[in-house]
Amino acid sequence: MKAQVIILASIILLSLSLNSCKEEKSDGPSATITELGYNNSGIGYLGGSLNVVAQIIADGKIDNIQVGIHQQNGNLKVRQDWKKISSPWEFDSTYAGKYQGTTDTTFSEVIAIPLDADTGSYIFSFSVIDLEGNATSVQDNFKLNYGKK
């Protein structure tokens, strides 16, 4: 009986030590958009800028951050007020520089909005890729309007 208890205790200790030696695989970085648009309103204005702030936490070091902006159901059209053709605004950019090699950081950038961009609903895509190739992406919606009132 005493030998069985010793064997059982040895097996438990061995399994615990083997489990503690396993290398944990990172699930990749996490990102939360904390500000998007003028005064975090989810609105950008033609000829203005789009304020973007996001909190990033990564187990591994960040390689780059990718931002994309694309209009929902966008197509060419004539804007009645300017009597000219406008087109959906497309924006794609990769940020590394000050973010590369960090693990916990605040992404804070201001993106210029062209004056001739089309108004309407847009999708903001935000992706963080770490040096191990793990990635996370988040999206949010915002609107482009004519100048601030």
Protein backbone atom coordinates (compact mmCIF):
# COMPACT_ATOMS: atom_id res chain seq x y z
CA MET A 1 0.00 0.00 0.00
CA LYS A 2 2.81 2.41 0.94
CA ALA A 3 4.62 1.59 -2.31
CA GLN A 4 1.47 2.37 -4.33
CA VAL A 5 1.14 5.79 -2.67
CA ILE A 6 4.79 6.55 -3.44
CA ILE A 7 4.36 5.48 -7.08
CA LEU A 8 1.17 7.53 -7.43
CA ALA A 9 2.84 10.59 -5.89
CA SER A 10 5.82 10.15 -8.23
CA ILE A 11 3.55 10.00 -11.27
CA ILE A 12 1.71 13.16 -10.20
CA LEU A 13 4.98 15.05 -9.61
CA LEU A 14 6.38 13.88 -12.94
CA SER A 15 3.29 14.98 -14.86
CA LEU A 16 3.29 18.37 -13.14
CA SER A 17 6.94 18.93 -13.96
CA LEU A 18 6.45 17.93 -17.61
CA ASN A 19 3.50 20.29 -17.99
CA SER A 20 5.42 23.20 -16.48
CA CYS A 21 8.26 22.70 -18.99
CA LYS A 22 6.01 23.08 -22.03
CA GLU A 23 6.59 26.28 -23.95
CA GLU A 24 3.42 28.33 -24.16
CA LYS A 25 2.54 29.45 -27.66
CA SER A 26 1.60 33.06 -27.99
CA ASP A 27 -1.94 33.77 -29.19
CA GLY A 28 -0.58 36.86 -30.89
CA PRO A 29 -1.03 40.52 -30.14
CA SER A 30 -4.27 42.15 -29.06
CA ALA A 31 -5.51 45.55 -30.16
CA THR A 32 -8.32 47.82 -29.05
CA ILE A 33 -9.30 50.95 -30.95
CA THR A 34 -9.86 53.60 -28.29
CA GLU A 35 -10.33 56.67 -30.49
CA LEU A 36 -11.53 57.01 -34.06
CA GLY A 37 -12.57 60.29 -35.63
CA TYR A 38 -13.03 63.85 -34.52
CA ASN A 39 -13.34 63.85 -30.69
CA ASN A 40 -13.81 60.06 -30.88
CA SER A 41 -17.13 60.61 -32.65
CA GLY A 42 -16.61 58.05 -35.41
CA ILE A 43 -16.80 60.95 -37.87
CA GLY A 44 -14.13 62.41 -40.14
CA TYR A 45 -14.45 65.61 -42.17
CA LEU A 46 -13.38 66.22 -45.76
CA GLY A 47 -10.12 68.17 -45.81
CA GLY A 48 -9.57 67.41 -42.13
CA SER A 49 -7.92 64.52 -40.36
CA LEU A 50 -8.87 61.22 -38.81
CA ASN A 51 -7.52 60.76 -35.29
CA VAL A 52 -6.68 57.14 -34.52
CA VAL A 53 -5.63 55.79 -31.12
CA ALA A 54 -5.34 52.08 -30.30
CA GLN A 55 -3.94 50.14 -27.36
CA ILE A 56 -1.71 47.21 -28.34
CA ILE A 57 -0.49 44.39 -26.11
CA ALA A 58 1.79 41.77 -27.64
CA ASP A 59 3.54 38.77 -26.07
CA GLY A 60 6.20 39.01 -28.78
CA LYS A 61 7.68 42.14 -30.26
CA ILE A 62 5.64 44.02 -32.85
CA ASP A 63 6.83 43.86 -36.47
CA ASN A 64 4.35 46.27 -38.04
CA ILE A 65 0.88 47.75 -37.93
CA GLN A 66 -1.31 47.93 -41.02
CA VAL A 67 -4.16 50.40 -41.46
CA GLY A 68 -6.75 50.26 -44.22
CA ILE A 69 -9.68 52.53 -44.97
CA HIS A 70 -12.26 51.57 -47.59
CA GLN A 71 -15.73 52.88 -48.34
CA GLN A 72 -18.69 50.60 -47.80
CA ASN A 73 -20.38 50.03 -51.15
CA GLY A 74 -18.29 52.79 -52.72
CA ASN A 75 -18.43 53.77 -56.37
CA LEU A 76 -17.83 56.82 -58.55
CA LYS A 77 -20.55 59.42 -58.48
CA VAL A 78 -21.24 63.04 -59.23
CA ARG A 79 -21.52 65.15 -56.11
CA GLN A 80 -24.37 67.58 -56.58
CA ASP A 81 -22.80 70.36 -54.55
CA TRP A 82 -19.48 70.54 -56.41
CA LYS A 83 -20.65 69.35 -59.83
CA LYS A 84 -17.62 67.11 -60.08
CA ILE A 85 -16.88 63.44 -59.93
CA SER A 86 -15.62 62.17 -56.61
CA SER A 87 -14.47 58.70 -55.75
CA PRO A 88 -14.37 56.62 -52.61
CA TRP A 89 -11.34 57.32 -50.47
CA GLU A 90 -8.93 54.41 -50.22
CA PHE A 91 -6.10 54.42 -47.69
CA ASP A 92 -3.59 51.66 -46.97
CA SER A 93 -0.45 52.18 -44.92
CA THR A 94 2.04 50.12 -42.94
CA TYR A 95 3.58 51.56 -39.80
CA ALA A 96 6.77 50.15 -38.28
CA GLY A 97 9.32 52.72 -37.09
CA LYS A 98 8.50 53.72 -33.53
CA TYR A 99 6.19 50.72 -33.05
CA GLN A 100 8.55 48.00 -34.29
CA GLY A 101 10.20 45.99 -31.51
CA THR A 102 7.79 47.13 -28.79
CA THR A 103 5.41 44.86 -26.91
CA ASP A 104 2.91 47.17 -25.20
CA THR A 105 2.31 50.45 -26.93
CA THR A 106 -0.23 53.07 -27.86
CA PHE A 107 -0.73 53.60 -31.58
CA SER A 108 -1.50 57.27 -32.12
CA GLU A 109 -1.61 58.68 -35.63
CA VAL A 110 -3.44 61.41 -37.53
CA ILE A 111 -4.48 60.51 -41.07
CA ALA A 112 -5.17 63.32 -43.55
CA ILE A 113 -8.55 63.11 -45.28
CA PRO A 114 -8.57 64.41 -48.86
CA LEU A 115 -10.94 67.26 -49.61
CA ASP A 116 -12.24 65.46 -52.72
CA ALA A 117 -13.01 62.16 -50.96
CA ASP A 118 -16.54 60.85 -51.21
CA THR A 119 -18.74 61.25 -48.13
CA GLY A 120 -20.43 58.23 -46.60
CA SER A 121 -19.73 55.16 -44.51
CA TYR A 122 -16.23 53.72 -44.36
CA ILE A 123 -14.59 50.67 -42.80
CA PHE A 124 -11.43 51.19 -40.75
CA SER A 125 -9.22 48.07 -40.57
CA PHE A 126 -6.37 47.81 -38.06
CA SER A 127 -3.93 44.87 -37.99
CA VAL A 128 -0.97 44.18 -35.72
CA ILE A 129 1.68 41.62 -36.75
CA ASP A 130 4.41 40.48 -34.37
CA LEU A 131 7.90 39.28 -35.31
CA GLU A 132 6.76 35.65 -35.04
CA GLY A 133 4.10 36.22 -37.69
CA ASN A 134 1.15 36.19 -35.27
CA ALA A 135 -1.49 38.73 -36.21
CA THR A 136 -4.71 40.24 -34.97
CA SER A 137 -7.14 42.48 -36.82
CA VAL A 138 -9.97 44.70 -35.66
CA GLN A 139 -12.42 46.79 -37.65
CA ASP A 140 -14.62 49.74 -36.90
CA ASN A 141 -17.00 51.87 -38.94
CA PHE A 142 -16.89 55.63 -39.32
CA LYS A 143 -18.46 58.28 -41.52
CA LEU A 144 -16.98 61.00 -43.69
CA ASN A 145 -18.96 64.22 -43.74
CA TYR A 146 -18.57 67.68 -45.21
CA GLY A 147 -16.67 70.23 -43.08
CA LYS A 148 -17.34 70.68 -39.37
CA LYS A 149 -20.44 72.67 -38.57
